[in-house]
Protein backbone atom coordinates (compact mmCIF):
# COMPACT_ATOMS: atom_id res chain seq x y z
CA UNK A 1 34.79 17.74 30.02
CA UNK A 2 32.57 16.46 27.24
CA UNK A 3 29.11 17.90 26.84
CA UNK A 4 26.24 15.59 26.06
CA UNK A 5 25.17 15.93 22.44
CA UNK A 6 21.51 16.07 21.56
CA UNK A 7 20.45 12.96 19.57
CA UNK A 8 19.35 13.52 16.01
CA UNK A 9 15.87 12.65 14.81
CA UNK A 10 16.76 9.13 13.64
CA UNK A 11 18.33 8.34 17.01
CA UNK A 12 15.25 9.65 18.79
CA UNK A 13 13.09 7.47 16.54
CA UNK A 14 15.16 4.35 17.28
CA UNK A 15 14.89 5.05 20.99
CA UNK A 16 11.15 4.50 20.65
CA UNK A 17 11.34 0.70 20.63
CA UNK A 18 7.71 0.16 19.68
CA UNK A 19 7.98 2.44 16.65
CA UNK A 20 11.36 1.05 15.57
CA UNK A 21 10.23 -2.58 15.85
CA UNK A 22 7.00 -1.71 14.02
CA UNK A 23 9.02 -0.18 11.18
CA UNK A 24 11.09 -3.36 10.88
CA UNK A 25 8.04 -5.62 10.93
CA UNK A 26 6.19 -3.53 8.35
CA UNK A 27 9.28 -3.36 6.11
CA UNK A 28 9.75 -7.14 6.28
CA UNK A 29 6.09 -7.85 5.52
CA UNK A 30 6.00 -5.41 2.63
CA UNK A 31 9.34 -6.68 1.32
CA UNK A 32 8.06 -10.27 1.33
CA UNK A 33 4.87 -9.23 -0.45
CA UNK A 34 6.92 -7.70 -3.27
CA UNK A 35 8.14 -11.23 -4.01
CA UNK A 36 4.70 -12.81 -3.68
CA UNK A 37 5.14 -14.62 -7.01
CA UNK A 38 7.97 -16.63 -5.41
CA UNK A 39 5.93 -17.42 -2.29
CA UNK A 40 2.40 -18.03 -3.58
CA UNK A 41 2.11 -19.21 -7.17
CA UNK A 42 0.64 -22.07 -9.19
CA UNK A 43 3.84 -22.17 -11.25
CA UNK A 44 7.21 -23.59 -10.15
CA UNK A 45 9.97 -21.14 -9.28
CA UNK A 46 12.51 -23.24 -11.16
CA UNK A 47 12.08 -26.25 -13.42
CA UNK A 48 14.61 -28.65 -14.92
CA UNK A 49 13.47 -30.86 -17.78
CA UNK A 50 15.60 -33.01 -20.02
CA UNK A 51 18.78 -31.20 -18.97
CA UNK A 52 17.39 -27.70 -19.55
CA UNK A 53 16.38 -25.14 -16.91
CA UNK A 54 13.11 -23.23 -17.21
CA UNK A 55 11.71 -20.31 -15.19
CA UNK A 56 7.89 -20.55 -15.27
CA UNK A 57 7.55 -17.64 -12.84
CA UNK A 58 8.84 -15.23 -15.48
CA UNK A 59 7.29 -16.63 -18.65
CA UNK A 60 4.77 -19.16 -19.92
CA UNK A 61 5.84 -22.39 -21.59
CA UNK A 62 3.76 -24.58 -23.86
CA UNK A 63 3.02 -28.02 -22.52
CA UNK A 64 4.35 -29.41 -25.83
CA UNK A 65 7.84 -28.69 -24.49
CA UNK A 66 7.27 -31.20 -21.70
CA UNK A 67 5.57 -33.82 -23.89
CA UNK A 68 2.00 -32.58 -23.56
CA UNK A 69 -0.68 -32.85 -26.22
CA UNK A 70 -1.80 -29.23 -26.78
CA UNK A 71 -0.04 -26.01 -27.67
CA UNK A 72 -1.30 -24.15 -24.60
CA UNK A 73 0.32 -22.81 -21.46
CA UNK A 74 1.38 -25.67 -19.23
CA UNK A 75 -0.71 -26.27 -16.13
CA UNK A 76 1.85 -27.44 -13.60
CA UNK A 77 -0.83 -28.49 -11.13
CA UNK A 78 -2.19 -30.97 -13.68
CA UNK A 79 -1.01 -34.45 -12.54
CA UNK A 80 -0.45 -35.47 -16.17
CA UNK A 81 1.94 -32.56 -16.84
CA UNK A 82 3.61 -32.94 -13.43
CA UNK A 83 4.31 -36.65 -14.10
CA UNK A 84 5.80 -35.85 -17.52
CA UNK A 85 8.16 -33.29 -15.98
CA UNK A 86 9.15 -35.49 -13.04
CA UNK A 87 10.08 -38.33 -15.40
CA UNK A 88 12.90 -36.29 -16.92
CA UNK A 89 13.53 -33.62 -14.30
CA UNK A 90 12.17 -31.87 -11.26
CA UNK A 91 10.23 -28.79 -10.14
CA UNK A 92 10.94 -26.34 -7.33
CA UNK A 93 7.52 -25.23 -6.10
CA UNK A 94 6.82 -22.12 -3.97
CA UNK A 95 5.66 -22.63 -0.35
CA UNK A 96 2.04 -21.90 -1.36
CA UNK A 97 1.13 -23.63 -4.62
CA UNK A 98 -1.66 -21.21 -5.45
CA UNK A 99 -1.73 -17.75 -6.99
CA UNK A 100 -4.41 -15.22 -6.09
CA UNK A 101 -6.65 -16.38 -8.97
CA UNK A 102 -5.94 -20.14 -8.84
CA UNK A 103 -9.05 -22.22 -8.27
CA UNK A 104 -8.62 -25.45 -6.35
CA UNK A 105 -10.91 -28.01 -7.99
CA UNK A 106 -10.01 -30.75 -5.48
CA UNK A 107 -11.58 -29.33 -2.36
CA UNK A 108 -12.70 -31.69 0.42
CA UNK A 109 -15.93 -29.68 0.82
CA UNK A 110 -17.87 -27.07 -1.19
CA UNK A 111 -16.33 -23.62 -1.38
CA UNK A 112 -15.71 -21.74 0.79
CA UNK A 113 -13.86 -24.64 2.37
CA UNK A 114 -12.19 -24.51 5.80
CA UNK A 115 -8.42 -24.48 6.33
CA UNK A 116 -6.62 -27.67 5.33
CA UNK A 117 -3.00 -28.74 4.92
CA UNK A 118 -3.14 -27.64 1.28
CA UNK A 119 -5.08 -24.39 1.86
CA UNK A 120 -3.75 -23.18 5.20
CA UNK A 121 -6.21 -20.27 5.50
CA UNK A 122 -9.04 -22.02 3.68
CA UNK A 123 -10.58 -20.94 0.38
CA UNK A 124 -13.03 -18.23 -0.63
CA UNK A 125 -16.43 -18.75 -2.23
CA UNK A 126 -14.81 -19.44 -5.61
CA UNK A 127 -12.30 -21.99 -4.34
CA UNK A 128 -9.30 -19.62 -4.38
CA UNK A 129 -6.64 -19.85 -1.69
CA UNK A 130 -7.18 -17.22 1.02
CA UNK A 131 -3.50 -17.06 2.04
CA UNK A 132 -2.44 -16.21 -1.52
CA UNK A 133 -5.17 -13.61 -1.93
CA UNK A 134 -4.28 -12.00 1.40
CA UNK A 135 -0.61 -11.71 0.40
CA UNK A 136 -1.34 -10.22 -3.01
CA UNK A 137 -4.09 -8.02 -1.56
CA UNK A 138 -1.73 -6.68 1.09
CA UNK A 139 0.80 -5.78 -1.61
CA UNK A 140 -1.76 -3.94 -3.73
CA UNK A 141 -3.11 -2.08 -0.70
CA UNK A 142 0.32 -0.88 0.43
CA UNK A 143 1.42 0.06 -3.09
CA UNK A 144 -1.83 1.98 -3.56
CA UNK A 145 -1.33 3.71 -0.22
CA UNK A 146 2.31 4.60 -0.91
CA UNK A 147 1.51 5.97 -4.37
CA UNK A 148 -1.45 7.97 -3.08
CA UNK A 149 0.61 9.29 -0.17
CA UNK A 150 3.39 10.39 -2.55
CA UNK A 151 1.11 12.29 -4.93
CA UNK A 152 -1.02 13.71 -2.10
CA UNK A 153 2.12 14.99 -0.39
CA UNK A 154 3.42 16.64 -3.55
CA UNK A 155 0.13 18.45 -4.19
CA UNK A 156 -0.59 19.26 -0.55
CA UNK A 157 2.91 20.55 0.22
CA UNK A 158 3.01 22.66 -2.95
CA UNK A 159 -0.39 24.27 -2.33
CA UNK A 160 0.33 24.80 1.35
CA UNK A 161 3.65 26.43 0.51
CA UNK A 162 2.06 28.79 -2.02
CA UNK A 163 -0.70 29.72 0.42
CA UNK A 164 1.58 30.38 3.33
CA UNK A 165 4.30 32.19 1.42
CA UNK A 166 2.12 34.64 -0.51
CA UNK A 167 -0.73 34.94 1.99
CA UNK A 168 -3.24 37.71 1.50
CA UNK A 169 -6.10 37.29 -0.96
CA UNK A 170 -4.60 34.14 -2.50
CA UNK A 171 -4.49 32.46 0.89
CA UNK A 172 -8.05 33.59 1.67
CA UNK A 173 -9.45 32.19 -1.61
CA UNK A 174 -7.63 28.88 -1.19
CA UNK A 175 -8.86 28.53 2.39
CA UNK A 176 -12.48 29.08 1.40
CA UNK A 177 -12.10 26.52 -1.41
CA UNK A 178 -10.58 23.96 0.96
CA UNK A 179 -13.38 24.52 3.48
CA UNK A 180 -15.99 23.83 0.81
CA UNK A 181 -14.12 20.90 -0.73
CA UNK A 182 -13.40 19.24 2.63
CA UNK A 183 -17.06 19.54 3.59
CA UNK A 184 -18.16 17.25 0.77
CA UNK A 185 -19.04 13.62 1.66
CA UNK A 186 -15.78 12.06 0.49
CA UNK A 187 -16.73 8.38 0.52
CA UNK A 188 -20.07 9.08 -1.15
CA UNK A 189 -18.37 11.09 -3.89
CA UNK A 190 -15.82 8.31 -4.40
CA UNK A 191 -18.62 5.77 -4.77
CA UNK A 192 -20.43 7.97 -7.32
CA UNK A 193 -17.27 8.56 -9.35
CA UNK A 194 -16.29 4.87 -9.16
CA UNK A 195 -19.66 3.86 -10.57
CA UNK A 196 -19.27 6.04 -13.67
CA UNK A 197 -16.66 3.84 -15.34
CA UNK A 198 -15.14 0.45 -14.62
CA UNK A 199 -12.46 1.28 -12.04
CA UNK A 200 -8.87 0.11 -12.11
CA UNK A 201 -5.81 0.83 -9.97
CA UNK A 202 -4.95 4.17 -11.61
CA UNK A 203 -8.55 5.36 -11.93
CA UNK A 204 -9.12 4.72 -8.23
CA UNK A 205 -5.86 6.46 -7.46
CA UNK A 206 -6.94 9.51 -9.44
CA UNK A 207 -10.39 9.94 -7.93
CA UNK A 208 -9.08 9.30 -4.41
CA UNK A 209 -6.38 11.90 -4.96
CA UNK A 210 -9.10 14.51 -5.53
CA UNK A 211 -9.80 14.51 -1.79
CA UNK A 212 -6.63 13.20 -0.11
CA UNK A 213 -4.31 16.11 -0.95
CA UNK A 214 -5.79 18.33 1.79
CA UNK A 215 -4.13 16.41 4.63
CA UNK A 216 -0.84 18.32 4.56
CA UNK A 217 -1.99 21.75 3.38
CA UNK A 218 -2.76 23.10 6.83
CA UNK A 219 0.52 22.06 8.45
CA UNK A 220 2.71 23.32 5.59
CA UNK A 221 0.72 26.56 5.28
CA UNK A 222 1.20 27.31 8.98
CA UNK A 223 4.96 26.75 8.76
CA UNK A 224 5.27 29.04 5.74
CA UNK A 225 3.13 31.74 7.35
CA UNK A 226 5.47 31.63 10.34
CA UNK A 227 8.72 31.51 8.37
CA UNK A 228 8.03 34.05 5.62
CA UNK A 229 8.84 36.96 7.94
CA UNK A 230 12.05 35.47 9.35
CA UNK A 231 15.17 37.55 8.87
CA UNK A 232 16.88 35.16 6.46
CA UNK A 233 13.76 35.14 4.22
CA UNK A 234 13.53 38.92 4.23
CA UNK A 235 17.25 39.13 3.45
CA UNK A 236 16.86 36.70 0.53
CA UNK A 237 14.03 38.81 -0.86
CA UNK A 238 16.06 41.98 -0.49
CA UNK A 239 18.89 40.34 -2.45
CA UNK A 240 16.49 39.63 -5.30
CA UNK A 241 16.40 35.85 -4.90
CA UNK A 242 13.59 34.17 -6.85
CA UNK A 243 10.49 33.37 -4.81
CA UNK A 244 10.52 29.75 -5.92
CA UNK A 245 14.05 29.27 -4.63
CA UNK A 246 13.19 30.88 -1.31
CA UNK A 247 10.13 28.67 -0.91
CA UNK A 248 11.51 25.28 -1.86
CA UNK A 249 15.19 25.60 -0.95
CA UNK A 250 15.19 27.68 2.21
CA UNK A 251 11.75 27.43 3.84
CA UNK A 252 10.48 24.01 2.77
CA UNK A 253 13.18 21.92 4.55
CA UNK A 254 12.12 23.48 7.85
CA UNK A 255 8.43 23.03 7.06
CA UNK A 256 8.91 19.35 6.18
CA UNK A 257 9.56 18.44 9.81
CA UNK A 258 5.87 18.83 10.62
CA UNK A 259 4.70 17.34 7.33
CA UNK A 260 6.71 14.12 7.66
CA UNK A 261 4.96 13.17 10.89
CA UNK A 262 1.66 12.98 9.00
CA UNK A 263 2.83 10.56 6.30
CA UNK A 264 2.33 7.23 8.15
CA UNK A 265 -1.20 8.27 9.09
CA UNK A 266 -1.96 9.32 5.50
CA UNK A 267 -0.69 5.92 4.34
CA UNK A 268 -2.98 4.15 6.80
CA UNK A 269 -5.93 6.25 5.69
CA UNK A 270 -5.22 5.47 2.03
CA UNK A 271 -5.21 1.72 2.72
CA UNK A 272 -8.49 2.06 4.62
CA UNK A 273 -10.06 4.01 1.74
CA UNK A 274 -9.19 1.32 -0.82
CA UNK A 275 -10.44 -1.41 1.52
CA UNK A 276 -13.72 0.44 2.05
CA UNK A 277 -14.31 0.86 -1.68
CA UNK A 278 -13.53 -2.81 -2.32
CA UNK A 279 -15.82 -3.86 0.52
CA UNK A 280 -18.68 -1.86 -0.98
CA UNK A 281 -18.01 -3.23 -4.46
CA UNK A 282 -16.72 0.02 -6.01
CA UNK A 283 -13.01 -0.71 -5.84
CA UNK A 284 -10.64 -2.81 -7.92
CA UNK A 285 -11.94 -4.89 -10.86
CA UNK A 286 -13.69 -8.17 -10.07
CA UNK A 287 -11.17 -10.93 -9.45
CA UNK A 288 -8.40 -8.66 -8.20
CA UNK A 289 -6.83 -9.67 -4.88
CA UNK A 290 -8.36 -7.35 -2.33
CA UNK A 291 -8.63 -7.25 1.45
CA UNK A 292 -11.93 -5.39 1.20
CA UNK A 293 -13.38 -8.02 -1.13
CA UNK A 294 -12.40 -10.75 1.35
CA UNK A 295 -14.14 -8.83 4.11
CA UNK A 296 -17.26 -8.62 1.94
CA UNK A 297 -17.07 -12.38 1.36
CA UNK A 298 -16.78 -12.91 5.10
CA UNK A 299 -19.90 -10.81 5.63
CA UNK A 300 -21.79 -12.81 2.99
CA UNK A 301 -20.55 -16.19 4.32
CA UNK A 302 -20.92 -16.05 8.08
CA UNK A 303 -20.49 -19.84 8.19
CA UNK A 304 -16.91 -19.33 6.90
CA UNK A 305 -15.30 -17.14 9.60
CA UNK A 306 -11.78 -17.71 8.22
CA UNK A 307 -12.55 -15.28 5.38
CA UNK A 308 -13.26 -12.29 7.60
CA UNK A 309 -10.67 -13.22 10.23
CA UNK A 310 -7.78 -13.46 7.75
CA UNK A 311 -8.42 -10.08 6.10
CA UNK A 312 -9.30 -8.39 9.40
CA UNK A 313 -6.09 -9.55 11.07
CA UNK A 314 -3.96 -8.31 8.16
CA UNK A 315 -5.68 -4.91 8.23
CA UNK A 316 -5.51 -4.65 12.01
CA UNK A 317 -1.81 -5.49 12.13
CA UNK A 318 -0.98 -3.20 9.19
CA UNK A 319 -2.83 -0.17 10.55
CA UNK A 320 -1.48 -0.75 14.07
CA UNK A 321 2.09 -0.85 12.77
CA UNK A 322 1.54 2.37 10.80
CA UNK A 323 0.07 4.11 13.85
CA UNK A 324 3.06 3.08 15.98
CA UNK A 325 5.45 4.26 13.27
CA UNK A 326 3.56 7.54 12.96
CA UNK A 327 3.77 8.12 16.71
CA UNK A 328 7.51 7.48 16.61
CA UNK A 329 8.03 9.91 13.72
CA UNK A 330 5.90 12.54 15.47
CA UNK A 331 7.93 12.25 18.68
CA UNK A 332 11.22 12.27 16.78
CA UNK A 333 10.33 15.56 15.08
CA UNK A 334 8.89 17.14 18.22
CA UNK A 335 11.22 20.07 19.07
CA UNK A 336 10.18 19.90 22.73
CA UNK A 337 11.80 16.49 23.15
CA UNK A 338 15.49 16.25 23.83
CA UNK A 339 15.61 12.43 23.55
């Protein structure tokens, strides 16, 4: 007679259909955004001219190559250059013929213009395609969130492990520091620090990391406080095993089960933080594709609702997917569930 085996954590996660489908949808959306240059770009993906293939997506070509008049980068949206190329070849254009910074000078109405066949989500107040800016902005937001989540996890897990393993006065001092540091107005401090210098991706990542590392400290600390007096830990100490090996080889894998369930929520919070800073004007440099900047444009142009709706829908869907994934991970790692 065969006994029923208990499903592993991945199987328990896949049994949560909402979380599993959300993971697939988020992975597909993020995967597509990584190839945004092939989906939304003012340059052709592939170009054949006079028997030679060119790849404008990867490098710039002078318009002199195609019979133009000036030694400058070719503007493939210029009808003159397009006609020269089509006379001796062809161009394979991406589905959206605009990059995040491409200005459409042939709008049917003043910018921001409503959705048209050419600009499916309309344009912003500078005549840039909203669909392209949403795609590039989504990619930057997720990459920022993933990077911040990675570094926050490394710092938070390390500090939580040190606190919980050694305990005593070290744990007490760290706890008082965390209580003081967590009591500071985070968003206000980020705004002040962002206004000191002109921010960029890595500068924003650094100042945000000053406050985001505390998310995992409590969970990891509690696991280490519980596990440091287990018999196998005491035996390893008695054998003279190095403390670092005990912490990160023997205790940490067990402590990671609780830490992993926090990661999707930390990722969602990181995306929200970047969006908030961009909305307030203290985020990425001017001109960068940003969901928060689109929200700010929607607030300033109430007669152009497509600006706020597009960015809001992307944020709402993204954060909802991450919450569903986080719930699935939490349930999969819950020891009280047998699947």
